Protein backbone atom coordinates (compact mmCIF):
# COMPACT_ATOMS: atom_id res chain seq x y z
CA MET A 1 -22.17 36.89 -7.19
CA LYS A 2 -19.51 34.30 -6.45
CA ILE A 3 -18.76 31.97 -9.34
CA PRO A 4 -18.95 28.32 -8.21
CA PRO A 5 -15.90 26.09 -8.72
CA LYS A 6 -15.72 23.61 -11.56
CA VAL A 7 -15.12 20.63 -9.24
CA SER A 8 -16.11 19.75 -5.69
CA VAL A 9 -13.77 17.22 -4.03
CA ILE A 10 -15.59 15.44 -1.19
CA ILE A 11 -13.51 13.80 1.55
CA PRO A 12 -15.06 12.13 4.62
CA VAL A 13 -12.50 11.87 7.40
CA TYR A 14 -12.32 10.19 10.81
CA ASN A 15 -9.22 10.10 13.03
CA ASP A 16 -6.58 10.32 10.33
CA GLU A 17 -3.90 12.59 11.73
CA ARG A 18 -1.31 10.31 10.09
CA PHE A 19 -2.27 10.72 6.43
CA ILE A 20 -4.64 13.66 5.98
CA SER A 21 -1.69 15.95 5.14
CA ASP A 22 -0.59 13.65 2.31
CA CYS A 23 -4.10 13.70 0.88
CA LEU A 24 -4.50 17.49 0.97
CA LEU A 25 -0.96 18.17 -0.27
CA SER A 26 -1.68 16.07 -3.35
CA LEU A 27 -4.71 18.28 -4.00
CA LYS A 28 -2.77 21.52 -3.46
CA MET A 29 -0.33 20.34 -6.15
CA GLN A 30 -3.05 19.99 -8.80
CA THR A 31 -2.33 21.65 -12.13
CA PHE A 32 -6.06 22.43 -12.35
CA LYS A 33 -6.89 25.02 -9.69
CA ASP A 34 -10.64 25.65 -9.98
CA PHE A 35 -11.91 23.29 -7.32
CA GLU A 36 -13.16 23.25 -3.75
CA VAL A 37 -12.43 20.64 -1.09
CA ILE A 38 -15.32 19.70 1.21
CA LEU A 39 -13.79 17.89 4.16
CA ILE A 40 -16.44 16.21 6.32
CA ASP A 41 -14.98 15.49 9.78
CA ASP A 42 -17.07 12.67 11.24
CA CYS A 43 -16.51 13.38 14.95
CA SER A 44 -12.76 12.72 15.01
CA THR A 45 -11.19 12.36 18.44
CA ASP A 46 -7.55 12.84 17.39
CA GLN A 47 -5.71 15.87 15.95
CA THR A 48 -7.13 15.63 12.42
CA PHE A 49 -9.18 18.83 12.62
CA ASP A 50 -6.33 20.86 14.16
CA ILE A 51 -3.84 19.65 11.55
CA VAL A 52 -6.07 20.71 8.68
CA ARG A 53 -6.94 24.07 10.25
CA GLU A 54 -3.33 24.96 11.08
CA LYS A 55 -1.43 23.55 8.08
CA PHE A 56 -3.86 24.19 5.23
CA LYS A 57 -4.99 27.80 5.23
CA ASP A 58 -6.42 27.52 1.75
CA PRO A 59 -9.81 29.17 1.09
CA ARG A 60 -10.70 26.29 -1.23
CA ILE A 61 -10.66 23.85 1.71
CA LYS A 62 -13.91 23.86 3.69
CA ILE A 63 -13.98 21.91 6.95
CA ILE A 64 -17.43 20.66 7.96
CA ARG A 65 -17.76 18.97 11.37
CA ASN A 66 -20.61 16.54 11.95
CA ASP A 67 -22.48 17.03 15.23
CA VAL A 68 -23.20 13.30 15.36
CA THR A 69 -21.48 10.38 13.66
CA LEU A 70 -22.80 9.93 10.10
CA LYS A 71 -20.19 7.37 9.00
CA THR A 72 -18.92 7.25 5.45
CA ALA A 73 -22.26 7.15 3.63
CA GLY A 74 -23.85 9.99 5.58
CA SER A 75 -20.71 12.13 5.38
CA ARG A 76 -20.48 11.72 1.61
CA ASN A 77 -24.18 12.56 1.25
CA ARG A 78 -23.66 15.72 3.29
CA GLY A 79 -20.76 16.60 1.00
CA ILE A 80 -22.95 16.12 -2.09
CA ASP A 81 -25.61 18.42 -0.58
CA LEU A 82 -23.01 21.11 0.13
CA ALA A 83 -21.18 20.82 -3.20
CA SER A 84 -21.43 23.68 -5.67
CA GLY A 85 -19.13 22.39 -8.40
CA GLU A 86 -20.28 21.28 -11.82
CA PHE A 87 -18.48 17.98 -11.18
CA ILE A 88 -17.92 15.87 -8.07
CA PHE A 89 -14.83 13.84 -7.21
CA PHE A 90 -14.64 11.61 -4.14
CA MET A 91 -11.50 10.84 -2.17
CA ASP A 92 -10.73 8.87 0.97
CA HIS A 93 -8.79 10.82 3.59
CA ASP A 94 -5.67 8.61 3.47
CA ASP A 95 -5.30 8.48 -0.33
CA MET A 96 -3.66 10.73 -2.93
CA VAL A 97 -3.99 11.78 -6.56
CA ILE A 98 -1.33 12.64 -9.10
CA PRO A 99 -0.87 16.35 -9.95
CA THR A 100 -2.71 16.15 -13.29
CA ALA A 101 -5.67 14.15 -11.95
CA ILE A 102 -8.43 16.78 -11.98
CA GLU A 103 -7.13 18.43 -15.15
CA SER A 104 -7.27 15.12 -17.01
CA LEU A 105 -10.72 14.22 -15.75
CA ILE A 106 -12.18 17.61 -16.65
CA PHE A 107 -10.60 17.50 -20.10
CA TYR A 108 -12.39 14.28 -21.01
CA ALA A 109 -15.65 15.09 -19.21
CA GLU A 110 -16.08 18.36 -21.10
CA LYS A 111 -14.82 17.14 -24.44
CA PHE A 112 -17.20 14.17 -24.52
CA ARG A 113 -20.04 15.60 -22.35
CA ALA A 114 -19.71 12.63 -20.01
CA ASP A 115 -21.89 11.91 -16.99
CA VAL A 116 -19.11 9.75 -15.53
CA VAL A 117 -15.40 9.58 -16.38
CA HIS A 118 -13.84 6.33 -15.20
CA THR A 119 -10.08 5.77 -14.72
CA SER A 120 -7.79 3.33 -12.93
CA LEU A 121 -5.86 3.45 -9.67
CA TYR A 122 -2.52 2.52 -8.18
CA PHE A 123 -1.95 0.83 -4.83
CA LEU A 124 0.18 2.33 -2.07
CA VAL A 125 2.27 -0.29 -0.32
CA GLY A 126 2.92 0.47 3.32
CA GLU A 127 2.36 3.71 5.17
CA ASN A 128 5.13 5.83 3.65
CA PHE A 129 5.02 7.59 0.33
CA HIS A 130 7.54 9.83 -1.42
CA ALA A 131 6.27 13.29 -2.33
CA ILE A 132 4.59 13.64 -5.71
CA ASP A 133 6.11 16.34 -7.89
CA ARG A 134 5.00 17.87 -11.17
CA ASP A 135 7.30 15.62 -13.18
CA PHE A 136 5.65 12.47 -11.86
CA LYS A 137 4.77 10.79 -15.15
CA ILE A 138 2.82 7.57 -14.80
CA ASP A 139 -0.61 8.68 -15.95
CA GLU A 140 -1.70 7.64 -19.41
CA CYS A 141 -4.90 9.66 -19.28
CA ALA A 142 -2.90 12.83 -18.51
CA LYS A 143 -1.55 12.73 -22.07
CA GLN A 144 -4.95 13.96 -23.30
CA GLU A 145 -4.40 12.30 -26.64
CA GLU A 146 -6.84 12.57 -29.49
CA ARG A 147 -8.99 9.58 -28.69
CA SER A 148 -12.32 9.05 -30.36
CA GLU A 149 -15.68 8.92 -28.64
CA GLN A 150 -16.17 5.44 -30.04
CA GLU A 151 -12.94 4.32 -28.39
CA LEU A 152 -13.74 5.71 -24.94
CA MET A 153 -17.53 5.81 -24.59
CA THR A 154 -19.22 2.60 -23.40
CA MET A 155 -22.85 2.88 -24.52
CA ASP A 156 -23.79 -0.80 -24.25
CA LEU A 157 -24.97 -1.39 -20.69
CA GLU A 158 -24.05 -5.06 -20.53
CA THR A 159 -20.51 -4.36 -21.70
CA ARG A 160 -20.23 -1.53 -19.20
CA LEU A 161 -21.28 -3.75 -16.29
CA ASN A 162 -19.03 -6.63 -17.33
CA GLU A 163 -15.97 -4.45 -17.80
CA ASN A 164 -16.36 -2.24 -14.74
CA PHE A 165 -18.29 -4.19 -12.12
CA ALA A 166 -19.00 -7.88 -12.74
CA ASN A 167 -15.40 -8.61 -13.76
CA HIS A 168 -13.55 -9.96 -10.73
CA GLU A 169 -10.23 -8.89 -12.24
CA THR A 170 -11.25 -5.22 -12.06
CA HIS A 171 -10.84 -3.08 -8.96
CA CYS A 172 -14.03 -1.07 -8.46
CA ALA A 173 -14.14 2.15 -6.47
CA ILE A 174 -16.09 5.39 -6.53
CA TRP A 175 -12.92 7.45 -6.20
CA MET A 176 -11.63 6.34 -9.59
CA ASN A 177 -14.33 8.46 -11.24
CA LEU A 178 -15.48 12.01 -11.89
CA TYR A 179 -19.26 12.56 -11.71
CA ARG A 180 -21.34 15.33 -13.22
CA ARG A 181 -23.30 16.79 -10.30
CA GLU A 182 -26.43 17.36 -12.37
CA PHE A 183 -26.41 13.66 -13.26
CA LEU A 184 -26.30 12.62 -9.59
CA GLN A 185 -29.12 15.06 -8.79
CA ARG A 186 -31.27 13.98 -11.73
CA PHE A 187 -31.29 10.36 -10.56
CA ASN A 188 -31.13 11.23 -6.84
CA LEU A 189 -28.04 9.06 -6.45
CA LYS A 190 -26.90 8.98 -2.84
CA PHE A 191 -25.09 6.59 -0.52
CA PHE A 192 -27.07 4.11 1.57
CA ASP A 193 -25.94 3.06 5.05
CA LEU A 194 -24.75 -0.35 3.92
CA ILE A 195 -21.71 -2.54 4.10
CA GLY A 196 -20.27 -1.96 0.64
CA GLU A 197 -22.17 1.30 0.08
CA ASP A 198 -19.54 2.56 -2.36
CA LEU A 199 -19.85 -0.54 -4.56
CA PHE A 200 -23.60 -0.16 -4.80
CA PHE A 201 -23.25 3.57 -5.59
CA LEU A 202 -20.88 2.62 -8.39
CA PHE A 203 -23.35 0.04 -9.68
CA GLU A 204 -26.14 2.64 -9.77
CA THR A 205 -24.01 5.17 -11.64
CA LEU A 206 -23.04 2.50 -14.18
CA ILE A 207 -26.71 1.66 -14.71
CA CYS A 208 -28.02 5.24 -14.85
CA ALA A 209 -25.30 7.08 -16.79
CA GLU A 210 -26.22 7.88 -20.37
CA ARG A 211 -22.66 8.84 -21.26
CA PHE A 212 -20.06 6.73 -19.44
CA LEU A 213 -16.44 7.34 -20.43
CA SER A 214 -13.63 4.90 -19.63
CA VAL A 215 -10.16 6.44 -19.96
CA PRO A 216 -6.95 4.35 -19.90
CA GLY A 217 -4.44 5.05 -17.17
CA GLY A 218 -4.58 5.79 -13.46
CA ILE A 219 -4.77 8.99 -11.45
CA TYR A 220 -5.47 7.75 -7.92
CA PHE A 221 -3.33 6.19 -5.18
CA TRP A 222 -5.26 3.99 -2.79
CA ARG A 223 -3.80 3.20 0.60
CA LYS A 224 -5.09 0.10 2.39
CA ASN A 225 -5.63 1.36 5.92
CA SER A 226 -7.24 -0.82 8.59
CA LYS A 227 -8.17 2.28 10.61
CA SER A 228 -10.13 3.99 7.86
CA ILE A 229 -13.59 5.41 8.45
CA SER A 230 -15.27 2.41 6.80
CA ASN A 231 -13.31 -0.14 8.84
CA ARG A 232 -14.31 0.89 12.34
CA PRO A 233 -15.04 -2.17 14.49
CA GLY A 234 -18.58 -3.00 15.48
CA PHE A 235 -20.44 -5.99 16.86
CA ASP A 236 -23.38 -5.45 14.51
CA GLN A 237 -21.29 -6.09 11.40
CA LEU A 238 -22.54 -9.58 10.57
CA GLU A 239 -26.21 -8.69 10.72
CA LYS A 240 -25.52 -5.50 8.78
CA ILE A 241 -23.64 -7.46 6.11
CA LEU A 242 -26.58 -9.80 5.61
CA ASN A 243 -29.08 -6.94 5.61
CA SER A 244 -26.91 -5.12 3.07
CA ILE A 245 -26.79 -8.13 0.78
CA ASP A 246 -30.55 -8.52 1.08
CA PHE A 247 -31.15 -4.82 0.31
CA VAL A 248 -28.77 -4.74 -2.65
CA SER A 249 -30.15 -7.93 -4.20
CA LYS A 250 -33.65 -6.43 -4.22
CA ARG A 251 -32.46 -3.08 -5.61
CA MET A 252 -30.39 -4.77 -8.30
CA GLU A 253 -33.34 -6.89 -9.32
CA SER A 254 -35.54 -3.78 -9.63
CA TYR A 255 -32.98 -2.23 -11.99
CA PHE A 256 -32.72 -5.45 -14.00
CA GLU A 257 -36.49 -5.48 -14.44
CA ILE A 258 -36.22 -2.06 -16.10
CA PHE A 259 -33.15 -2.94 -18.19
CA ASP A 260 -34.37 -6.37 -19.19
CA ASN A 261 -31.90 -6.79 -22.06
CA ILE A 262 -29.10 -7.69 -19.64
CA SER A 263 -28.21 -11.38 -19.76
CA PRO A 264 -28.78 -13.67 -16.74
CA ILE A 265 -25.06 -14.37 -16.36
CA THR A 266 -24.25 -10.65 -16.16
CA LYS A 267 -26.96 -10.16 -13.53
CA TYR A 268 -25.58 -13.12 -11.61
CA ASN A 269 -22.00 -11.87 -11.82
CA CYS A 270 -22.95 -8.37 -10.65
CA PHE A 271 -24.57 -9.72 -7.52
CA LYS A 272 -21.86 -12.31 -6.96
CA PHE A 273 -19.16 -9.64 -7.19
CA PHE A 274 -20.93 -7.44 -4.64
CA MET A 275 -21.45 -10.32 -2.23
CA TYR A 276 -17.92 -11.66 -2.63
CA SER A 277 -16.38 -8.22 -2.12
CA ILE A 278 -18.13 -7.34 1.11
CA LEU A 279 -17.75 -10.78 2.67
CA THR A 280 -14.01 -10.87 2.03
CA ASN A 281 -13.33 -7.20 2.78
CA TYR A 282 -15.06 -7.29 6.15
CA LYS A 283 -13.57 -10.61 7.30
CA MET A 284 -16.91 -12.24 7.88
CA ARG A 285 -15.21 -15.50 8.87
CA ASP A 286 -13.69 -13.84 11.94
CA LEU A 287 -16.96 -12.21 12.95
CA TYR A 288 -18.79 -15.49 12.58
CA ARG A 289 -16.33 -17.31 14.79
CA SER A 290 -15.94 -14.83 17.63
CA ASP A 291 -18.81 -12.41 18.01
CA PHE A 292 -22.07 -14.23 17.44
CA ASP A 293 -24.13 -17.14 18.57
CA PHE A 294 -23.64 -19.99 16.10
CA LYS A 295 -27.29 -21.06 16.03
CA LEU A 296 -28.57 -17.53 15.39
CA THR A 297 -25.97 -16.94 12.68
CA ASP A 298 -26.86 -20.19 10.89
CA GLU A 299 -30.49 -19.13 10.85
CA MET A 300 -29.56 -15.74 9.42
CA LEU A 301 -27.43 -17.35 6.72
CA ASP A 302 -30.19 -19.80 5.83
CA LYS A 303 -32.72 -16.98 5.55
CA PHE A 304 -30.77 -15.23 2.85
CA PHE A 305 -28.69 -17.84 1.07
CA ARG A 306 -31.08 -20.77 0.84
CA PRO A 307 -33.58 -19.06 -1.52
CA ILE A 308 -30.68 -18.35 -3.86
CA TYR A 309 -28.48 -21.43 -3.54
CA GLY A 310 -30.91 -24.01 -2.16
CA ASP A 311 -29.12 -26.91 -0.48
CA ARG A 312 -25.78 -25.46 -1.58
CA THR A 313 -26.10 -23.14 1.43
CA LEU A 314 -23.73 -25.54 3.18
CA LEU A 315 -21.05 -24.71 0.62
CA VAL A 316 -21.42 -21.00 1.28
CA LYS A 317 -21.23 -21.57 5.02
CA THR A 318 -17.95 -23.38 4.53
CA LEU A 319 -16.45 -19.98 3.81
CA PHE A 320 -16.82 -19.05 7.46
CA HIS A 321 -14.95 -22.09 8.74
CA ASN A 322 -12.18 -22.61 6.21
CA SER A 323 -9.88 -19.68 5.52
CA ASN A 324 -8.41 -21.47 2.49
CA LEU A 325 -11.66 -21.31 0.57
CA HIS A 326 -13.10 -18.28 -1.16
CA LEU A 327 -16.69 -17.58 -2.03
CA ILE A 328 -15.91 -17.08 -5.70
CA ASP A 329 -14.66 -20.69 -5.84
CA LEU A 330 -17.54 -22.08 -3.83
CA LEU A 331 -20.08 -20.50 -6.14
CA LYS A 332 -18.68 -22.40 -9.10
CA ALA A 333 -20.98 -25.17 -7.91
CA ASP A 334 -23.80 -23.14 -9.44
CA GLY A 335 -22.58 -24.26 -12.84
CA ILE A 336 -21.92 -20.77 -14.20
């Protein structure tokens, strides 16, 4: 009987012939070798599939081709279903990890029996990146120092949410974390077809994890790429954004009814962070101006925002007309 790998690395990919080699080379250089790569090709039309098949003849790399487009959420869910590792690690197809990334994450996950191990990331500037070698020493968590459980484990839920989600100074991403697969299965945590589906997945793991470990230092390089799988253009974006905000607000509220010891300001900040992130990341101002009927859009905005902000809806709408204003500033009118 074949022994399953310790870690399953799940990578959804769409038309990324430019950077997929960088991503997979960073995985081949890992000091920890007991992992599988589940590459979900979401109907690419370029040379991505051929590049992977010809350049990476590694039995650990499994290429799965979707018959129909599943987008990021569906591709990640398919990866979760196919994973056999004890732990799951997500990557985007144009990003990279340092050589000690998986080794460091596994060290802390096993030592402290963590459901989730959270780290930091580094930003890639531009499209070019110098090769990572084994002497690349920027990762604090790779030191595997003798840190105490009390120092690393965040048991208080409100603190966890404030430090890792509701804090606007923190960059939140699912690919900064290692997840125990049994934990995801136990709570049936999957990705919804939303705008900002990764943020909501992160929120759910923060809420549900019994043992959440936050380790100093970064292991992940994130490349801002306008052609990524989650940034494909579409004329339904505005309506989907509003539907996503509506869906997430209801789901968040259902969680907060269960965990009723969370303060109102933390609840508010969690929702505000989600809303602010997806509106700014998906350039809702541009969509509002160019792709939709103004009257219909105003009605859609009123439907969602007015129950929350009352007559201050006008302030929120200003976001779509004035590129110098940001939602986080406009919401200060709420007095929080």
